[in-house]
Structure formats: C-alpha cells, structure tokens
C-alpha cells in the first residue's frame, strides 16, 4: 500500500486507511507499506496490527533516523535508499493499492504502473478514491487516452475503488 505520511484535511482519509488496514488483516492479507508511524501510513499499520494482521514496513535509513519509522512493527526492513525501498516493496507485494498521498505516493504508484505497462509484473493496481481525492488524476489519465498518449489497455492497468471493502473485491477480480 502506498499512502501519505500526512493525514490530509478530511477525516475520511484516515478513517479509510484504518478501515483498509483492518479489512486486509481480517482477510489474511499481509500488508506491505512504507514503514512509517505517521499520517495515513501510521493509521493503516496500526489498524492492521490491532486486527491481528501481518505487517511489513520498508523504510529507508534516512527516514528511520528522522524518527518516523513505526517502532511497533514486528517486521521493519531498513534499506539504504528510496530506490531500494520501492524495489523491495514490489518484490514483497502481490498487488498494489494507493491511498491519498503526495509526491512519494504518486511516484510509487506510477513506477509500478509503468512496470506493469512494460511487462515487468502482472499485479493488480487499485486506487482507493476516498472522498474523490483521485478524481482529478483519473480525469488526467482519461485525458491522456483521449489525446493519444495512453493506450486504453494501459489506462485499464489502474482500477479504482470507492471504499476499503471495494478494494478487496477489486484485488480479487482484477486481471492485469
């Protein structure tokens, strides 16, 4: 799961992150995420842990030393760089989910989408569009199709869900 190190301005963002963490744990889905204790990352991980979930955090040394690492994780993997973080998260994950976030979230999202487009992996990619956060991005992707910069089949690599419950359904039915 890729998500923000902030909680955002709408309480729905943190509520959805907590709900997704709980649902993943209840479905026996191991959570692999950025290893932070702050923002949506912390809310997601705390909820998964509270529900008895298996949680793996992956964090670069530079962020760990800035005291943002989640010290309550049973499995926190510290890597040397953001590049190593993304590679390890991709290796450990069977699917990708993006919650609201900033540049880091978008960077991680677009990297795995690009890898899928290039055939490097065939794993589902789901946007949890809480409170319409990803609406403008979805519109931009559709515009890319209309303008001939994205093929429809590549646009279809990203599916959306409007609730944490729908994320699980999308993960189970997605055919990248």
Protein backbone atom coordinates (compact mmCIF):
# COMPACT_ATOMS: atom_id res chain seq x y z
CA UNK A 1 0.00 0.00 0.00
CA UNK A 2 1.27 3.44 -0.95
CA UNK A 3 -0.12 6.33 1.09
CA UNK A 4 0.67 9.66 2.66
CA UNK A 5 2.85 10.46 5.61
CA UNK A 6 0.24 13.12 6.43
CA UNK A 7 -3.41 12.54 7.26
CA UNK A 8 -4.78 15.24 4.94
CA UNK A 9 -7.53 17.71 5.71
CA UNK A 10 -10.54 15.37 5.56
CA UNK A 11 -11.14 12.89 8.39
CA UNK A 12 -12.38 10.39 5.78
CA UNK A 13 -8.79 9.80 4.63
CA UNK A 14 -7.60 8.43 7.98
CA UNK A 15 -10.88 6.57 8.51
CA UNK A 16 -10.45 4.81 5.15
CA UNK A 17 -6.80 3.97 5.90
CA UNK A 18 -7.76 2.45 9.25
CA UNK A 19 -10.65 0.53 7.69
CA UNK A 20 -8.42 -0.82 4.91
CA UNK A 21 -5.83 -1.95 7.46
CA UNK A 22 -8.49 -3.81 9.42
CA UNK A 23 -10.05 -5.38 6.33
CA UNK A 24 -6.72 -6.59 4.98
CA UNK A 25 -5.93 -8.19 8.34
CA UNK A 26 -9.36 -9.82 8.55
CA UNK A 27 -8.87 -11.29 5.06
CA UNK A 28 -5.43 -12.61 5.96
CA UNK A 29 -3.72 -10.27 3.51
CA UNK A 30 -0.19 -9.28 4.51
CA UNK A 31 0.25 -5.51 4.47
CA UNK A 32 3.45 -4.23 2.90
CA UNK A 33 3.82 -0.47 3.25
CA UNK A 34 6.35 2.31 3.69
CA UNK A 35 7.13 1.62 7.35
CA UNK A 36 6.08 4.98 8.78
CA UNK A 37 4.30 5.65 12.05
CA UNK A 38 2.87 9.00 10.92
CA UNK A 39 -0.01 10.07 8.69
CA UNK A 40 -2.08 7.59 6.74
CA UNK A 41 0.81 5.13 6.90
CA UNK A 42 0.61 5.00 10.69
CA UNK A 43 -3.20 4.80 10.71
CA UNK A 44 -3.13 1.93 8.20
CA UNK A 45 -0.46 -0.07 10.02
CA UNK A 46 -1.91 0.49 13.49
CA UNK A 47 -5.33 -0.75 12.37
CA UNK A 48 -3.87 -3.81 10.66
CA UNK A 49 -1.81 -4.66 13.74
CA UNK A 50 -4.79 -4.13 16.06
CA UNK A 51 -6.80 -6.58 13.94
CA UNK A 52 -4.01 -9.19 14.19
CA UNK A 53 -2.62 -8.60 10.72
CA UNK A 54 0.77 -9.43 9.29
CA UNK A 55 2.51 -6.10 8.60
CA UNK A 56 5.81 -5.47 6.85
CA UNK A 57 7.26 -1.97 6.77
CA UNK A 58 10.01 -0.93 4.36
CA UNK A 59 11.79 2.32 5.15
CA UNK A 60 14.99 4.00 4.02
CA UNK A 61 17.62 4.61 6.71
CA UNK A 62 17.34 8.39 6.24
CA UNK A 63 13.65 8.33 7.20
CA UNK A 64 14.15 5.86 10.04
CA UNK A 65 16.67 8.16 11.68
CA UNK A 66 14.27 11.10 11.40
CA UNK A 67 12.09 9.20 13.88
CA UNK A 68 9.23 8.48 11.50
CA UNK A 69 9.72 4.70 11.49
CA UNK A 70 6.97 2.66 13.12
CA UNK A 71 8.67 1.09 16.14
CA UNK A 72 5.76 -1.26 16.81
CA UNK A 73 6.16 -3.34 13.67
CA UNK A 74 7.16 -6.99 14.03
CA UNK A 75 8.87 -6.75 10.61
CA UNK A 76 10.54 -3.42 9.75
CA UNK A 77 13.03 -3.64 6.93
CA UNK A 78 15.51 -0.78 6.70
CA UNK A 79 17.05 -0.15 3.28
CA UNK A 80 19.67 2.29 2.05
CA UNK A 81 17.58 4.31 -0.42
CA UNK A 82 14.15 5.10 -1.79
CA UNK A 83 15.04 3.07 -4.89
CA UNK A 84 15.73 0.03 -2.72
CA UNK A 85 12.50 0.65 -0.83
CA UNK A 86 10.41 0.62 -3.99
CA UNK A 87 12.16 -2.47 -5.34
CA UNK A 88 11.72 -4.42 -2.11
CA UNK A 89 8.09 -3.37 -1.69
CA UNK A 90 7.38 -4.50 -5.26
CA UNK A 91 9.14 -7.83 -4.65
CA UNK A 92 7.19 -8.47 -1.43
CA UNK A 93 3.80 -7.46 -2.84
CA UNK A 94 1.24 -9.42 -4.85
CA UNK A 95 -0.79 -6.28 -5.63
CA UNK A 96 -0.61 -2.52 -5.16
CA UNK A 97 -3.08 -0.12 -3.58
CA UNK A 98 -2.70 3.65 -3.46
CA UNK A 99 -4.46 5.79 -0.88
CA UNK A 100 -4.32 9.59 -0.88
CA UNK A 101 -0.83 10.98 -0.59
CA UNK A 102 1.65 13.39 -2.11
CA UNK A 103 4.64 13.14 -4.40
CA UNK A 104 6.02 9.98 -2.81
CA UNK A 105 2.72 8.14 -3.16
CA UNK A 106 2.31 9.24 -6.76
CA UNK A 107 5.92 8.33 -7.55
CA UNK A 108 5.46 4.82 -6.15
CA UNK A 109 2.11 4.42 -7.93
CA UNK A 110 3.39 5.49 -11.33
CA UNK A 111 6.50 3.39 -11.05
CA UNK A 112 4.50 0.18 -10.54
CA UNK A 113 2.07 1.19 -13.30
CA UNK A 114 4.99 1.76 -15.67
CA UNK A 115 6.48 -1.60 -14.68
CA UNK A 116 3.13 -3.22 -15.43
CA UNK A 117 2.90 -1.45 -18.79
CA UNK A 118 6.39 -2.73 -19.65
CA UNK A 119 5.50 -6.29 -18.61
CA UNK A 120 7.84 -6.36 -15.60
CA UNK A 121 4.95 -7.53 -13.41
CA UNK A 122 1.32 -8.55 -13.78
CA UNK A 123 -0.05 -7.47 -10.42
CA UNK A 124 -3.31 -5.61 -9.77
CA UNK A 125 -3.13 -1.86 -9.10
CA UNK A 126 -6.03 -0.20 -7.27
CA UNK A 127 -6.66 3.42 -6.31
CA UNK A 128 -8.76 3.89 -3.19
CA UNK A 129 -10.51 7.08 -4.24
CA UNK A 130 -11.53 8.28 -0.78
CA UNK A 131 -13.68 11.42 -0.86
CA UNK A 132 -12.90 11.88 -4.57
CA UNK A 133 -9.21 12.54 -3.89
CA UNK A 134 -8.02 10.85 -7.09
CA UNK A 135 -10.78 12.30 -9.30
CA UNK A 136 -8.51 14.90 -10.97
CA UNK A 137 -5.80 12.27 -11.54
CA UNK A 138 -8.30 9.84 -13.05
CA UNK A 139 -9.52 12.67 -15.28
CA UNK A 140 -5.95 13.37 -16.38
CA UNK A 141 -5.37 9.71 -17.24
CA UNK A 142 -8.57 9.63 -19.27
CA UNK A 143 -7.46 12.84 -20.99
CA UNK A 144 -4.16 11.10 -21.82
CA UNK A 145 -6.17 8.40 -23.61
CA UNK A 146 -8.27 10.98 -25.46
CA UNK A 147 -5.15 12.83 -26.57
CA UNK A 148 -3.36 9.69 -27.76
CA UNK A 149 -0.65 9.50 -25.08
CA UNK A 150 -2.06 6.48 -23.24
CA UNK A 151 -3.47 3.35 -24.80
CA UNK A 152 -6.81 2.25 -23.39
CA UNK A 153 -5.35 -1.08 -22.29
CA UNK A 154 -2.63 0.75 -20.36
CA UNK A 155 -5.15 3.10 -18.79
CA UNK A 156 -7.02 -0.01 -17.63
CA UNK A 157 -3.98 -1.09 -15.58
CA UNK A 158 -5.27 1.19 -12.80
CA UNK A 159 -8.67 0.32 -11.36
CA UNK A 160 -10.49 2.40 -8.78
CA UNK A 161 -12.42 1.59 -5.64
CA UNK A 162 -14.55 3.98 -3.64
CA UNK A 163 -14.34 2.11 -0.33
CA UNK A 164 -11.89 -0.14 1.52
CA UNK A 165 -14.33 -3.02 1.11
CA UNK A 166 -14.33 -2.49 -2.65
CA UNK A 167 -10.51 -2.59 -2.69
CA UNK A 168 -10.55 -6.25 -1.62
CA UNK A 169 -13.14 -7.04 -4.31
CA UNK A 170 -11.06 -5.25 -6.96
CA UNK A 171 -7.92 -7.10 -5.88
CA UNK A 172 -9.71 -10.44 -6.16
CA UNK A 173 -11.24 -9.72 -9.58
CA UNK A 174 -8.55 -7.62 -11.27
CA UNK A 175 -6.96 -9.12 -14.37
CA UNK A 176 -3.91 -7.01 -15.22
